[in-house]
Protein backbone atom coordinates (compact mmCIF):
# COMPACT_ATOMS: atom_id res chain seq x y z
CA MET A 1 13.43 1.54 11.49
CA GLY A 2 12.17 -1.77 10.16
CA HIS A 3 12.69 -5.16 11.79
CA LEU A 4 12.40 -8.04 9.34
CA TYR A 5 12.88 -11.73 9.97
CA GLY A 6 14.88 -13.90 7.61
CA GLY A 7 14.41 -17.35 9.07
CA SER A 8 16.14 -19.34 6.32
CA SER A 9 19.40 -19.17 4.43
CA LEU A 10 17.58 -17.51 1.56
CA CYS A 11 17.82 -13.76 1.11
CA LEU A 12 14.17 -12.78 1.34
CA THR A 13 12.52 -9.66 0.00
CA ALA A 14 10.58 -7.33 2.26
CA ILE A 15 8.83 -3.99 2.04
CA LEU A 16 8.64 -1.22 4.60
CA ILE A 17 6.81 1.99 3.87
CA GLY A 18 5.86 4.64 6.40
CA ILE A 19 2.73 6.69 5.79
CA LEU A 20 2.26 9.95 7.67
CA VAL A 21 -0.55 12.46 7.76
CA LEU A 22 0.83 15.89 8.61
CA THR A 23 -0.78 19.24 9.33
CA LEU A 24 0.80 22.67 9.46
CA SER A 25 -1.76 23.96 11.95
CA THR A 26 -2.96 23.27 15.46
CA PRO A 27 -6.68 23.29 16.30
CA CYS A 28 -8.37 26.31 17.79
CA SER A 29 -11.83 26.67 19.31
CA ASN A 30 -13.64 27.47 16.07
CA SER A 31 -12.04 24.46 14.33
CA LEU A 32 -13.93 21.87 16.31
CA ARG A 33 -17.29 22.05 14.57
CA ILE A 34 -17.18 19.11 12.17
CA ASN A 35 -20.01 18.32 9.77
CA LYS A 36 -22.02 15.13 10.02
CA MET A 37 -19.98 12.08 9.06
CA LYS A 38 -20.94 10.27 5.87
CA SER A 39 -20.04 6.69 5.03
CA MET A 40 -20.32 4.52 1.94
CA VAL A 41 -19.36 0.92 1.21
CA TYR A 42 -18.10 0.23 -2.31
CA GLN A 43 -16.90 -2.85 -4.16
CA SER A 44 -14.27 -3.25 -6.85
CA PRO A 45 -14.92 -5.10 -10.11
CA LYS A 46 -14.63 -8.87 -9.87
CA PHE A 47 -11.27 -10.61 -10.10
CA GLU A 48 -10.87 -14.38 -10.21
CA LEU A 49 -8.34 -16.57 -8.41
CA GLU A 50 -7.61 -20.28 -8.39
CA PRO A 51 -5.00 -22.09 -6.27
CA GLY A 52 -1.58 -20.56 -6.88
CA SER A 53 -2.80 -17.78 -9.16
CA VAL A 54 -2.14 -14.04 -8.89
CA ALA A 55 -4.37 -11.06 -9.63
CA ASP A 56 -2.72 -7.65 -9.94
CA LYS A 57 -5.50 -5.48 -11.30
CA VAL A 58 -5.77 -1.77 -12.04
CA TYR A 59 -9.20 -0.13 -12.12
CA PHE A 60 -9.54 3.43 -13.39
CA ASP A 61 -12.40 5.68 -12.29
CA MET A 62 -13.23 3.60 -9.22
CA ASP A 63 -16.33 4.38 -7.19
CA PHE A 64 -15.47 7.14 -4.73
CA PRO A 65 -17.24 10.05 -3.00
CA ARG A 66 -17.39 13.16 -5.17
CA GLY A 67 -17.31 16.85 -4.40
CA HIS A 68 -15.21 19.04 -2.14
CA ILE A 69 -14.84 16.82 0.92
CA ALA A 70 -12.52 15.79 3.75
CA ILE A 71 -11.67 12.08 3.88
CA LYS A 72 -11.69 10.71 7.43
CA SER A 73 -10.92 7.02 6.85
CA PHE A 74 -10.50 4.38 4.15
CA ASN A 75 -10.71 0.66 5.04
CA ALA A 76 -10.73 -2.37 2.76
CA GLU A 77 -10.78 -6.17 2.67
CA VAL A 78 -11.14 -9.02 0.17
CA VAL A 79 -14.56 -10.71 0.09
CA ASP A 80 -16.29 -13.39 -1.98
CA GLU A 81 -19.50 -13.10 -4.01
CA ALA A 82 -21.62 -13.54 -0.87
CA GLY A 83 -19.74 -10.75 0.90
CA ASN A 84 -17.86 -13.11 3.22
CA PRO A 85 -14.33 -11.99 4.20
CA ILE A 86 -11.60 -14.22 2.77
CA PRO A 87 -8.89 -15.26 5.26
CA LEU A 88 -5.31 -14.28 4.50
CA HIS A 89 -4.06 -17.87 4.63
CA GLU A 90 -6.21 -18.55 1.55
CA THR A 91 -5.91 -15.26 -0.33
CA TYR A 92 -2.92 -13.13 0.63
CA LEU A 93 -3.64 -9.44 0.07
CA HIS A 94 -0.18 -8.35 -1.03
CA HIS A 95 -1.30 -4.74 -1.32
CA TRP A 96 -4.04 -2.41 -2.41
CA VAL A 97 -3.40 1.22 -3.27
CA VAL A 98 -5.62 4.12 -4.30
CA PHE A 99 -4.30 6.90 -6.53
CA ARG A 100 -5.85 10.28 -7.22
CA TYR A 101 -5.64 11.64 -10.76
CA TYR A 102 -7.13 14.17 -13.15
CA GLN A 103 -8.62 13.03 -16.47
CA ARG A 104 -9.46 15.29 -19.37
CA LYS A 105 -13.22 15.64 -19.76
CA GLY A 106 -14.70 13.67 -22.64
CA VAL A 107 -11.68 11.36 -22.94
CA GLU A 108 -11.87 7.70 -21.98
CA ILE A 109 -8.81 5.88 -20.63
CA VAL A 110 -8.56 2.28 -21.78
CA GLU A 111 -7.71 0.24 -18.70
CA GLN A 112 -5.38 -2.25 -20.37
CA ASP A 113 -3.33 0.66 -21.75
CA GLY A 114 -3.52 2.64 -18.54
CA VAL A 115 0.18 2.52 -17.66
CA ASN A 116 1.10 4.06 -21.01
CA GLN A 117 -1.71 6.59 -20.98
CA ARG A 118 -0.61 8.02 -17.66
CA ASN A 119 2.15 9.82 -19.55
CA GLN A 120 -0.18 11.42 -22.05
CA SER A 121 -1.75 14.84 -21.95
CA ASN A 122 -5.18 13.45 -21.02
CA PHE A 123 -3.97 12.13 -17.67
CA LYS A 124 -2.39 14.04 -14.78
CA GLY A 125 -1.38 12.31 -11.58
CA ALA A 126 -2.18 14.00 -8.26
CA ARG A 127 0.45 12.60 -5.94
CA ASN A 128 0.79 12.75 -2.19
CA GLN A 129 3.34 15.13 -0.68
CA GLY A 130 6.00 12.48 -0.05
CA VAL A 131 9.60 12.60 -1.21
CA CYS A 132 9.82 9.54 -3.49
CA GLN A 133 10.51 9.91 -7.20
CA GLU A 134 7.64 10.52 -9.60
CA ASN A 135 6.94 6.89 -10.53
CA GLN A 136 6.97 5.47 -6.99
CA LEU A 137 4.58 5.54 -4.03
CA GLY A 138 2.33 8.34 -5.18
CA GLN A 139 -0.85 6.86 -3.67
CA TYR A 140 -3.24 8.54 -1.24
CA PHE A 141 -4.32 5.34 0.51
CA GLY A 142 -2.98 1.82 0.65
CA LEU A 143 -2.12 -1.11 2.89
CA GLY A 144 -1.88 -4.88 2.53
CA SER A 145 -2.27 -7.96 4.66
CA GLU A 146 -2.48 -5.81 7.81
CA THR A 147 -5.59 -4.03 6.52
CA ARG A 148 -8.25 -5.67 8.72
CA LYS A 149 -6.70 -4.67 12.04
CA THR A 150 -5.21 -1.30 11.16
CA PRO A 151 -7.31 1.78 12.03
CA THR A 152 -7.13 4.58 9.46
CA PHE A 153 -9.34 7.23 11.07
CA ILE A 154 -8.06 10.81 10.92
CA PRO A 155 -9.09 12.50 14.19
CA ASP A 156 -11.13 15.69 14.37
CA PRO A 157 -10.73 18.48 13.43
CA TYR A 158 -8.47 17.17 10.67
CA GLY A 159 -9.26 15.75 7.25
CA ILE A 160 -7.65 14.90 3.91
CA GLU A 161 -8.94 17.53 1.51
CA VAL A 162 -9.92 16.33 -1.97
CA GLY A 163 -12.21 17.61 -4.71
CA ASN A 164 -11.22 21.26 -4.27
CA PRO A 165 -12.29 22.95 -7.54
CA ALA A 166 -9.37 25.37 -7.25
CA GLU A 167 -6.90 22.48 -7.53
CA ILE A 168 -8.46 20.72 -10.53
CA PRO A 169 -6.87 21.81 -13.85
CA ASP A 170 -9.16 23.47 -16.39
CA GLY A 171 -10.80 20.94 -18.67
CA PHE A 172 -10.14 18.04 -16.29
CA GLU A 173 -12.09 16.19 -13.62
CA GLU A 174 -10.85 14.45 -10.49
CA LYS A 175 -10.97 10.65 -10.46
CA TRP A 176 -9.51 7.75 -8.51
CA LEU A 177 -7.61 4.60 -9.47
CA LEU A 178 -7.49 1.31 -7.56
CA ASN A 179 -4.73 -1.31 -7.74
CA VAL A 180 -5.38 -4.68 -6.07
CA HIS A 181 -2.66 -7.32 -5.79
CA ALA A 182 -3.77 -10.67 -4.34
CA ILE A 183 -2.20 -14.14 -4.27
CA ASP A 184 -4.20 -17.37 -3.86
CA THR A 185 -2.14 -19.59 -1.53
CA ARG A 186 -4.55 -22.52 -1.26
CA GLY A 187 -2.55 -25.72 -1.70
CA ALA A 188 0.72 -23.83 -2.03
CA GLU A 189 3.84 -25.94 -1.86
CA ASP A 190 5.47 -23.09 0.09
CA ARG A 191 2.88 -20.58 1.27
CA LEU A 192 5.45 -18.21 2.78
CA GLY A 193 7.56 -18.32 -0.36
CA CYS A 194 4.50 -17.53 -2.48
CA THR A 195 3.63 -14.47 -0.40
CA GLU A 196 7.27 -13.34 -0.60
CA CYS A 197 7.05 -13.71 -4.39
CA ARG A 198 10.10 -15.97 -4.71
CA CYS A 199 10.91 -16.22 -8.40
CA ASP A 200 11.76 -19.93 -8.34
CA LEU A 201 8.30 -20.80 -7.01
CA TYR A 202 6.68 -18.77 -9.80
CA ASN A 203 9.06 -20.14 -12.46
CA VAL A 204 9.60 -16.57 -13.62
CA THR A 205 12.75 -15.23 -15.31
CA LYS A 206 11.28 -12.09 -16.92
CA ASP A 207 9.23 -9.21 -15.53
CA ARG A 208 5.72 -8.31 -16.68
CA TYR A 209 7.11 -6.37 -19.63
CA GLY A 210 9.27 -9.25 -20.84
CA LYS A 211 12.55 -7.81 -19.56
CA PRO A 212 14.94 -10.47 -18.16
CA LEU A 213 15.41 -10.33 -14.40
CA LYS A 214 18.86 -9.78 -12.92
CA PRO A 215 20.54 -13.00 -11.71
CA ASP A 216 20.60 -11.77 -8.10
CA TYR A 217 16.87 -10.90 -8.09
CA ILE A 218 15.44 -13.83 -6.14
CA GLY A 219 12.01 -12.49 -5.29
CA GLY A 220 9.69 -9.51 -5.26
CA LEU A 221 7.09 -7.67 -7.29
CA HIS A 222 8.75 -8.55 -10.60
CA CYS A 223 7.98 -12.25 -10.06
CA CYS A 224 4.34 -12.26 -8.90
CA TYR A 225 2.59 -10.03 -11.40
CA ASP A 226 -0.88 -10.54 -12.87
CA GLN A 227 -1.65 -14.07 -14.18
CA THR A 228 1.52 -15.66 -12.82
CA HIS A 229 1.17 -18.86 -10.76
CA CYS A 230 2.92 -20.02 -7.62
CA ARG A 231 3.70 -23.71 -7.33
CA VAL A 232 0.99 -25.81 -5.63
CA ARG A 233 1.20 -29.32 -4.22
CA LYS A 234 0.93 -32.09 -6.78
CA GLY A 235 -2.66 -33.23 -7.23
CA PHE A 236 -4.19 -30.37 -5.21
CA GLN A 237 -7.44 -29.01 -6.61
CA ASP A 238 -9.93 -26.41 -5.47
CA VAL A 239 -12.53 -24.13 -7.02
CA LYS A 240 -11.88 -20.89 -8.85
CA ARG A 241 -13.19 -17.96 -6.80
CA SER A 242 -14.74 -14.67 -7.80
CA LEU A 243 -13.45 -12.06 -5.37
CA TYR A 244 -13.78 -8.33 -4.75
CA LEU A 245 -12.10 -5.62 -2.75
CA ARG A 246 -14.79 -4.17 -0.50
CA TYR A 247 -13.86 -0.74 0.79
CA THR A 248 -15.50 1.70 3.15
CA VAL A 249 -14.91 5.43 2.87
CA LYS A 250 -15.90 7.91 5.57
CA TRP A 251 -15.91 11.64 4.90
CA VAL A 252 -17.47 14.99 5.71
CA ASP A 253 -18.36 17.89 3.46
CA TRP A 254 -15.59 20.46 3.39
CA THR A 255 -15.86 23.60 5.53
CA ASP A 256 -13.33 26.13 6.77
CA SER A 257 -13.57 24.59 10.24
CA ILE A 258 -11.63 21.53 9.03
CA LEU A 259 -7.84 21.59 9.27
CA PRO A 260 -6.37 20.10 6.06
CA VAL A 261 -3.66 17.47 6.34
CA LYS A 262 -1.14 16.25 3.79
CA ILE A 263 0.00 12.68 3.15
CA TYR A 264 3.70 11.85 3.20
CA ILE A 265 5.10 8.44 2.32
CA PHE A 266 8.66 7.52 3.25
CA ASP A 267 10.46 4.35 2.14
CA ILE A 268 13.14 2.58 4.19
CA THR A 269 14.86 1.65 0.90
CA ASP A 270 15.25 5.28 -0.24
CA THR A 271 18.88 5.73 -1.32
CA TRP A 272 18.82 9.50 -0.66
CA SER A 273 21.98 10.46 1.23
CA GLY A 274 21.35 14.13 1.93
CA LEU A 275 24.10 15.17 -0.46
CA ASN A 276 21.62 15.94 -3.22
CA SER A 277 17.89 16.35 -3.68
CA GLN A 278 17.32 13.13 -5.64
CA HIS A 279 15.31 10.45 -3.89
CA ASN A 280 15.26 6.87 -5.14
CA CYS A 281 12.68 4.70 -3.36
CA LEU A 282 13.31 1.05 -4.24
CA VAL A 283 10.14 -0.22 -2.48
CA GLU A 284 11.65 -3.63 -1.66
CA HIS A 285 14.93 -5.00 -0.35
CA ASN A 286 16.57 -8.30 0.55
CA VAL A 287 16.78 -9.45 4.15
CA ALA A 288 20.31 -10.35 5.19
CA LYS A 289 21.23 -14.04 4.83
CA SER A 290 22.85 -14.06 8.25
CA CYS A 291 22.35 -11.73 11.18
CA LYS A 292 21.98 -11.75 14.95
CA GLY A 293 19.30 -13.87 16.58
CA ILE A 294 16.87 -12.63 19.21
CA ARG A 295 17.71 -13.55 22.78
CA GLY A 296 14.98 -15.53 24.51
CA THR A 297 13.19 -16.51 21.30
CA LYS A 298 13.43 -19.24 18.69
CA GLN A 299 13.86 -16.71 15.93
CA SER A 300 17.18 -17.24 14.21
CA CYS A 301 17.64 -13.88 12.59
CA ILE A 302 16.52 -10.26 12.79
CA ASP A 303 17.53 -7.73 10.16
CA THR A 304 17.24 -4.08 11.20
CA ARG A 305 17.17 -1.18 8.76
CA ARG A 306 17.43 2.51 9.59
CA LYS A 307 17.03 5.51 7.34
CA GLY A 308 17.20 9.22 7.98
CA ILE A 309 15.05 11.36 5.70
CA ARG A 310 14.47 15.10 5.85
CA ALA A 311 10.77 15.96 5.70
CA PRO A 312 9.97 18.62 3.08
CA THR A 313 8.07 20.76 5.59
CA THR A 314 7.45 21.22 9.29
CA GLY A 315 4.18 20.41 10.99
CA TYR A 316 2.37 18.09 13.38
CA VAL A 317 1.90 14.36 12.83
CA VAL A 318 -1.75 13.42 13.41
CA TYR A 319 -1.63 9.86 12.04
CA GLY A 320 1.04 7.36 11.06
CA VAL A 321 1.22 3.73 9.98
CA ALA A 322 3.84 1.33 8.61
CA HIS A 323 3.26 -1.15 5.78
CA GLN A 324 5.37 -4.31 5.96
CA HIS A 325 5.17 -7.74 4.40
CA THR A 326 5.50 -11.26 5.80
CA GLY A 327 8.14 -11.48 8.53
CA GLY A 328 7.99 -7.83 9.52
CA VAL A 329 8.23 -7.32 13.28
CA GLY A 330 7.54 -3.62 13.58
CA SER A 331 8.52 -0.10 12.69
CA THR A 332 9.39 3.00 14.67
CA LEU A 333 9.46 6.57 13.41
CA TYR A 334 11.64 9.09 15.23
CA GLY A 335 11.78 12.84 15.07
CA GLU A 336 14.89 14.68 16.24
CA GLY A 337 15.58 12.69 19.38
CA TYR A 338 12.04 11.53 20.13
CA MET A 339 9.68 8.78 19.01
CA LEU A 340 6.67 9.79 16.91
CA PHE A 341 4.99 6.41 16.65
CA ASN A 342 5.67 2.71 16.99
CA SER A 343 3.88 0.15 14.86
CA ASN A 344 4.45 -3.30 16.35
CA LEU A 345 3.10 -5.88 13.94
CA TRP A 346 4.71 -8.85 15.65
CA ASN A 347 2.27 -9.19 18.54
CA ARG A 348 -0.75 -8.05 16.57
CA LYS A 349 -0.70 -10.60 13.78
CA GLY A 350 -0.82 -13.92 15.58
CA GLY A 351 -2.81 -16.93 14.47
CA ARG A 352 -3.53 -18.09 10.94
CA GLU A 353 -4.92 -14.70 9.91
């Protein structure tokens, strides 16, 4: 269930994605011996931003721990060349996602042609276990503006198993892909509108592939793609910045004492009705133009969405988190008659950050 504010008469776009880590097993006494934790800090290639500009970069073969391991956590933030964290009110981290894939040995994937090459025989995606259609939400890790204050640690004795030689197709090797989407809001005429990717502020009428947008599409990912610009105040100037996504991965070497978990991503916009097996995750939706206010607050509108989705397997939830964009109040995941977790972003994200 997602709660999203729409404080103006405009129909705003929002995103709500639930990420679960599920295990089919419960721990027993011999499962508690976990190897020594390892940790490594990595940094993405440089991307540059100036006031109003957008970077939506894809980096194949990103730096990542190798071998048969269990991932315990993955945290990230945007930093400058000196390693200083960049505040969200200056650079809005729309999202970052990390995909796992298999690449044929001896074949190089050209990054600028990466989207097309994903469909070729040299590239095989290794998706999470979620229910969304093949081209949506297949990542293993990913968050957005909530990154800095969201713990991602998978408790012992669990871990996300990767690098298992038995799962890697013959002639291929396991690699990882990073997508970083950041918006520079310094001097923005409408900072909130820029982070919501309102098409009028970006002066965009076509998507990144040159396809005309539908008349009722007022904002979203199709309007704030790489190298677009959001409107800034007249006469405002500031320096161009070189930025990086700094990410920290913690893991342990794989042993039989670790209980493997699977990643499931569910989308509140999924149109699945239960009448067939086809899922259609839309990723974003419009907040209602008019809805009930919240008693005792100055908020004029709260839009609530609910979606029932059948999980593909049974098991135990060991970690869960919700990803929402600007205006999101919180998210609650229910099982059959009971609450699994509640992610309240409203109280946690006060202040300018």
